[in-house]
Amino acid sequence: MVSIPEKRKFPRVGFDRGIDAWIMSIDGTWRLTCKMRDASAQGARLVPSSLEKLKEKEFFLLLSSTGLAYRRCELAWINGDEIGVRFLQIKR
């Protein structure tokens, strides 16, 4: 098998089984479980439990069940049951 060289500015790290995470609305009114399949410094590929609630462009990706580790995200793409998100930077 020939491996294709990574051309991204920020290479992704893959997770074979996926990492449990949660997608939560900005106002906290809903939350979805998801699996994080890969991630980079700029974004991630996720498999959410449902695509129905993803009508908002921005949301939080919670990396712990208590919400202590999180990133604010923007929906970048949807492909079947997977989504891509961009991590938003805090403007200072």
N, C-alpha and C. Protein backbone atom coordinates (compact mmCIF):
# COMPACT_ATOMS: atom_id res chain seq x y z
N MET A 1 0.84 -1.18 0.00
CA MET A 1 0.00 0.00 0.00
C MET A 1 0.89 1.24 0.00
N VAL A 2 0.60 2.17 -0.87
CA VAL A 2 1.38 3.40 -0.98
C VAL A 2 0.72 4.46 -0.11
N SER A 3 1.51 5.10 0.75
CA SER A 3 0.93 6.16 1.57
C SER A 3 1.05 7.49 0.84
N ILE A 4 0.02 8.28 0.95
CA ILE A 4 -0.02 9.59 0.30
C ILE A 4 0.55 10.61 1.28
N PRO A 5 1.52 11.42 0.85
CA PRO A 5 2.11 12.40 1.76
C PRO A 5 1.09 13.46 2.19
N GLU A 6 1.18 13.87 3.43
CA GLU A 6 0.29 14.88 3.99
C GLU A 6 0.68 16.24 3.43
N LYS A 7 -0.29 16.95 2.84
CA LYS A 7 -0.03 18.25 2.24
C LYS A 7 -0.62 19.40 3.06
N ARG A 8 -1.32 19.07 4.11
CA ARG A 8 -1.95 20.12 4.92
C ARG A 8 -0.88 20.92 5.67
N LYS A 9 -1.19 22.18 5.91
CA LYS A 9 -0.29 23.03 6.70
C LYS A 9 -0.21 22.51 8.13
N PHE A 10 -1.34 22.05 8.65
CA PHE A 10 -1.40 21.48 10.00
C PHE A 10 -1.85 20.03 9.87
N PRO A 11 -0.92 19.07 9.89
CA PRO A 11 -1.28 17.65 9.72
C PRO A 11 -2.28 17.18 10.77
N ARG A 12 -3.13 16.26 10.36
CA ARG A 12 -4.13 15.69 11.27
C ARG A 12 -3.58 14.45 11.96
N VAL A 13 -4.06 14.23 13.16
CA VAL A 13 -3.75 13.03 13.92
C VAL A 13 -5.02 12.20 13.93
N GLY A 14 -4.94 10.95 13.47
CA GLY A 14 -6.11 10.09 13.40
C GLY A 14 -6.29 9.26 14.66
N PHE A 15 -7.53 8.92 14.96
CA PHE A 15 -7.87 8.08 16.10
C PHE A 15 -8.65 6.89 15.57
N ASP A 16 -8.06 5.70 15.60
CA ASP A 16 -8.65 4.50 15.00
C ASP A 16 -10.08 4.24 15.45
N ARG A 17 -10.33 4.30 16.72
CA ARG A 17 -11.68 4.02 17.25
C ARG A 17 -12.49 5.28 17.48
N GLY A 18 -11.89 6.41 17.29
CA GLY A 18 -12.57 7.67 17.58
C GLY A 18 -12.52 7.98 19.06
N ILE A 19 -12.56 9.24 19.38
CA ILE A 19 -12.56 9.69 20.77
C ILE A 19 -13.95 10.22 21.09
N ASP A 20 -14.51 9.80 22.22
CA ASP A 20 -15.83 10.29 22.63
C ASP A 20 -15.76 11.78 22.90
N ALA A 21 -16.71 12.52 22.35
CA ALA A 21 -16.79 13.96 22.56
C ALA A 21 -18.27 14.36 22.47
N TRP A 22 -18.55 15.64 22.65
CA TRP A 22 -19.92 16.15 22.61
C TRP A 22 -19.94 17.45 21.84
N ILE A 23 -21.01 17.67 21.11
CA ILE A 23 -21.25 18.93 20.42
C ILE A 23 -22.36 19.62 21.20
N MET A 24 -22.13 20.89 21.58
CA MET A 24 -23.12 21.63 22.37
C MET A 24 -23.39 22.98 21.72
N SER A 25 -24.65 23.37 21.71
CA SER A 25 -25.01 24.68 21.14
C SER A 25 -24.35 25.79 21.95
N ILE A 26 -24.18 26.93 21.32
CA ILE A 26 -23.55 28.08 21.97
C ILE A 26 -24.33 28.49 23.22
N ASP A 27 -25.66 28.41 23.16
CA ASP A 27 -26.47 28.81 24.32
C ASP A 27 -26.71 27.67 25.31
N GLY A 28 -26.18 26.48 25.02
CA GLY A 28 -26.28 25.36 25.95
C GLY A 28 -27.61 24.64 25.96
N THR A 29 -28.49 24.91 25.00
CA THR A 29 -29.83 24.31 25.02
C THR A 29 -29.88 22.88 24.49
N TRP A 30 -28.86 22.44 23.76
CA TRP A 30 -28.82 21.05 23.29
C TRP A 30 -27.39 20.54 23.25
N ARG A 31 -27.29 19.22 23.29
CA ARG A 31 -25.98 18.55 23.27
C ARG A 31 -26.12 17.23 22.52
N LEU A 32 -25.12 16.90 21.70
CA LEU A 32 -25.08 15.64 20.94
C LEU A 32 -23.79 14.90 21.27
N THR A 33 -23.87 13.59 21.31
CA THR A 33 -22.63 12.81 21.41
C THR A 33 -22.02 12.71 20.02
N CYS A 34 -20.71 12.53 19.98
CA CYS A 34 -20.03 12.35 18.70
C CYS A 34 -18.72 11.61 18.93
N LYS A 35 -18.13 11.15 17.84
CA LYS A 35 -16.80 10.55 17.85
C LYS A 35 -15.89 11.46 17.06
N MET A 36 -14.74 11.79 17.62
CA MET A 36 -13.75 12.57 16.90
C MET A 36 -12.82 11.59 16.20
N ARG A 37 -12.83 11.60 14.87
CA ARG A 37 -12.04 10.65 14.06
C ARG A 37 -10.61 11.13 13.84
N ASP A 38 -10.43 12.44 13.68
CA ASP A 38 -9.09 13.00 13.58
C ASP A 38 -9.14 14.48 13.95
N ALA A 39 -7.96 15.05 14.19
CA ALA A 39 -7.90 16.45 14.60
C ALA A 39 -6.56 17.05 14.20
N SER A 40 -6.56 18.36 14.04
CA SER A 40 -5.33 19.11 13.79
C SER A 40 -5.41 20.37 14.65
N ALA A 41 -4.44 21.24 14.51
CA ALA A 41 -4.45 22.50 15.26
C ALA A 41 -5.60 23.39 14.80
N GLN A 42 -6.10 23.18 13.57
CA GLN A 42 -7.13 24.06 13.04
C GLN A 42 -8.54 23.48 13.01
N GLY A 43 -8.68 22.15 13.16
CA GLY A 43 -10.02 21.59 13.06
C GLY A 43 -10.06 20.11 13.34
N ALA A 44 -11.23 19.50 13.07
CA ALA A 44 -11.42 18.08 13.36
C ALA A 44 -12.47 17.49 12.44
N ARG A 45 -12.44 16.17 12.33
CA ARG A 45 -13.47 15.41 11.61
C ARG A 45 -14.25 14.64 12.65
N LEU A 46 -15.58 14.82 12.65
CA LEU A 46 -16.45 14.25 13.67
C LEU A 46 -17.54 13.39 13.04
N VAL A 47 -18.02 12.42 13.82
CA VAL A 47 -19.20 11.64 13.44
C VAL A 47 -20.23 11.86 14.55
N PRO A 48 -21.18 12.80 14.35
CA PRO A 48 -22.19 13.07 15.37
C PRO A 48 -23.27 11.99 15.40
N SER A 49 -23.92 11.84 16.56
CA SER A 49 -24.99 10.85 16.70
C SER A 49 -26.21 11.23 15.86
N SER A 50 -26.35 12.50 15.51
CA SER A 50 -27.46 12.97 14.68
C SER A 50 -27.02 14.23 13.95
N LEU A 51 -27.51 14.41 12.74
CA LEU A 51 -27.23 15.64 12.00
C LEU A 51 -28.40 16.63 12.09
N GLU A 52 -29.53 16.19 12.66
CA GLU A 52 -30.74 17.02 12.70
C GLU A 52 -30.55 18.33 13.46
N LYS A 53 -29.84 18.31 14.57
CA LYS A 53 -29.69 19.52 15.39
C LYS A 53 -28.58 20.43 14.90
N LEU A 54 -27.83 20.00 13.91
CA LEU A 54 -26.71 20.81 13.43
C LEU A 54 -27.18 21.83 12.40
N LYS A 55 -28.10 22.67 12.81
CA LYS A 55 -28.59 23.73 11.94
C LYS A 55 -27.82 25.02 12.19
N GLU A 56 -27.07 25.05 13.27
CA GLU A 56 -26.30 26.23 13.61
C GLU A 56 -24.90 26.12 13.03
N LYS A 57 -24.35 27.25 12.64
CA LYS A 57 -23.02 27.28 12.03
C LYS A 57 -21.92 27.18 13.10
N GLU A 58 -22.18 27.71 14.30
CA GLU A 58 -21.18 27.68 15.37
C GLU A 58 -21.71 26.91 16.57
N PHE A 59 -20.80 26.22 17.25
CA PHE A 59 -21.13 25.43 18.44
C PHE A 59 -19.84 25.12 19.17
N PHE A 60 -19.97 24.48 20.32
CA PHE A 60 -18.81 24.05 21.10
C PHE A 60 -18.56 22.56 20.89
N LEU A 61 -17.31 22.18 20.80
CA LEU A 61 -16.90 20.78 20.83
C LEU A 61 -16.34 20.54 22.23
N LEU A 62 -17.07 19.74 23.02
CA LEU A 62 -16.65 19.44 24.39
C LEU A 62 -15.80 18.18 24.36
N LEU A 63 -14.61 18.27 24.91
CA LEU A 63 -13.68 17.14 24.90
C LEU A 63 -13.68 16.39 26.22
N SER A 64 -14.49 16.87 27.18
CA SER A 64 -14.67 16.16 28.45
C SER A 64 -16.14 16.24 28.82
N SER A 65 -16.65 15.26 29.54
CA SER A 65 -18.08 15.23 29.88
C SER A 65 -18.48 16.39 30.77
N THR A 66 -17.53 16.96 31.51
CA THR A 66 -17.83 18.09 32.38
C THR A 66 -17.75 19.42 31.66
N GLY A 67 -17.22 19.41 30.43
CA GLY A 67 -17.12 20.65 29.66
C GLY A 67 -15.92 21.50 30.00
N LEU A 68 -14.98 20.96 30.78
CA LEU A 68 -13.80 21.74 31.15
C LEU A 68 -12.82 21.91 30.00
N ALA A 69 -12.79 20.97 29.07
CA ALA A 69 -11.94 21.06 27.88
C ALA A 69 -12.85 21.21 26.67
N TYR A 70 -12.74 22.32 25.96
CA TYR A 70 -13.64 22.56 24.84
C TYR A 70 -12.98 23.47 23.81
N ARG A 71 -13.56 23.49 22.61
CA ARG A 71 -13.16 24.42 21.55
C ARG A 71 -14.42 24.97 20.91
N ARG A 72 -14.40 26.24 20.59
CA ARG A 72 -15.50 26.84 19.82
C ARG A 72 -15.25 26.51 18.36
N CYS A 73 -16.28 26.04 17.65
CA CYS A 73 -16.11 25.53 16.28
C CYS A 73 -17.08 26.18 15.32
N GLU A 74 -16.71 26.08 14.05
CA GLU A 74 -17.56 26.48 12.94
C GLU A 74 -17.70 25.27 12.02
N LEU A 75 -18.92 24.97 11.61
CA LEU A 75 -19.16 23.86 10.69
C LEU A 75 -18.53 24.19 9.34
N ALA A 76 -17.65 23.31 8.86
CA ALA A 76 -16.95 23.53 7.59
C ALA A 76 -17.58 22.74 6.45
N TRP A 77 -17.96 21.49 6.72
CA TRP A 77 -18.53 20.63 5.68
C TRP A 77 -19.30 19.48 6.30
N ILE A 78 -20.20 18.89 5.50
CA ILE A 78 -20.93 17.67 5.85
C ILE A 78 -20.76 16.70 4.70
N ASN A 79 -20.39 15.46 5.01
CA ASN A 79 -20.22 14.42 4.00
C ASN A 79 -20.78 13.12 4.57
N GLY A 80 -22.00 12.78 4.19
CA GLY A 80 -22.65 11.58 4.73
C GLY A 80 -22.89 11.76 6.22
N ASP A 81 -22.34 10.85 7.04
CA ASP A 81 -22.53 10.95 8.49
C ASP A 81 -21.38 11.67 9.18
N GLU A 82 -20.42 12.19 8.42
CA GLU A 82 -19.27 12.90 9.00
C GLU A 82 -19.39 14.40 8.76
N ILE A 83 -18.82 15.16 9.70
CA ILE A 83 -18.74 16.61 9.53
C ILE A 83 -17.30 17.05 9.78
N GLY A 84 -16.95 18.17 9.18
CA GLY A 84 -15.66 18.79 9.44
C GLY A 84 -15.91 20.10 10.16
N VAL A 85 -15.08 20.40 11.15
CA VAL A 85 -15.22 21.66 11.89
C VAL A 85 -13.88 22.40 11.88
N ARG A 86 -13.98 23.74 11.89
CA ARG A 86 -12.82 24.61 12.05
C ARG A 86 -12.84 25.15 13.46
N PHE A 87 -11.71 25.12 14.12
CA PHE A 87 -11.62 25.71 15.45
C PHE A 87 -11.51 27.22 15.29
N LEU A 88 -12.35 27.95 16.02
CA LEU A 88 -12.34 29.41 15.96
C LEU A 88 -11.35 29.95 16.99
N GLN A 89 -10.65 30.97 16.60
CA GLN A 89 -9.66 31.59 17.47
C GLN A 89 -10.30 32.72 18.27
N ILE A 90 -9.87 32.88 19.49
CA ILE A 90 -10.34 33.98 20.32
C ILE A 90 -9.58 35.23 19.89
N LYS A 91 -10.32 36.29 19.56
CA LYS A 91 -9.68 37.54 19.16
C LYS A 91 -9.32 38.33 20.40
N ARG A 92 -8.08 38.75 20.48
CA ARG A 92 -7.63 39.51 21.66
C ARG A 92 -7.24 40.90 21.29
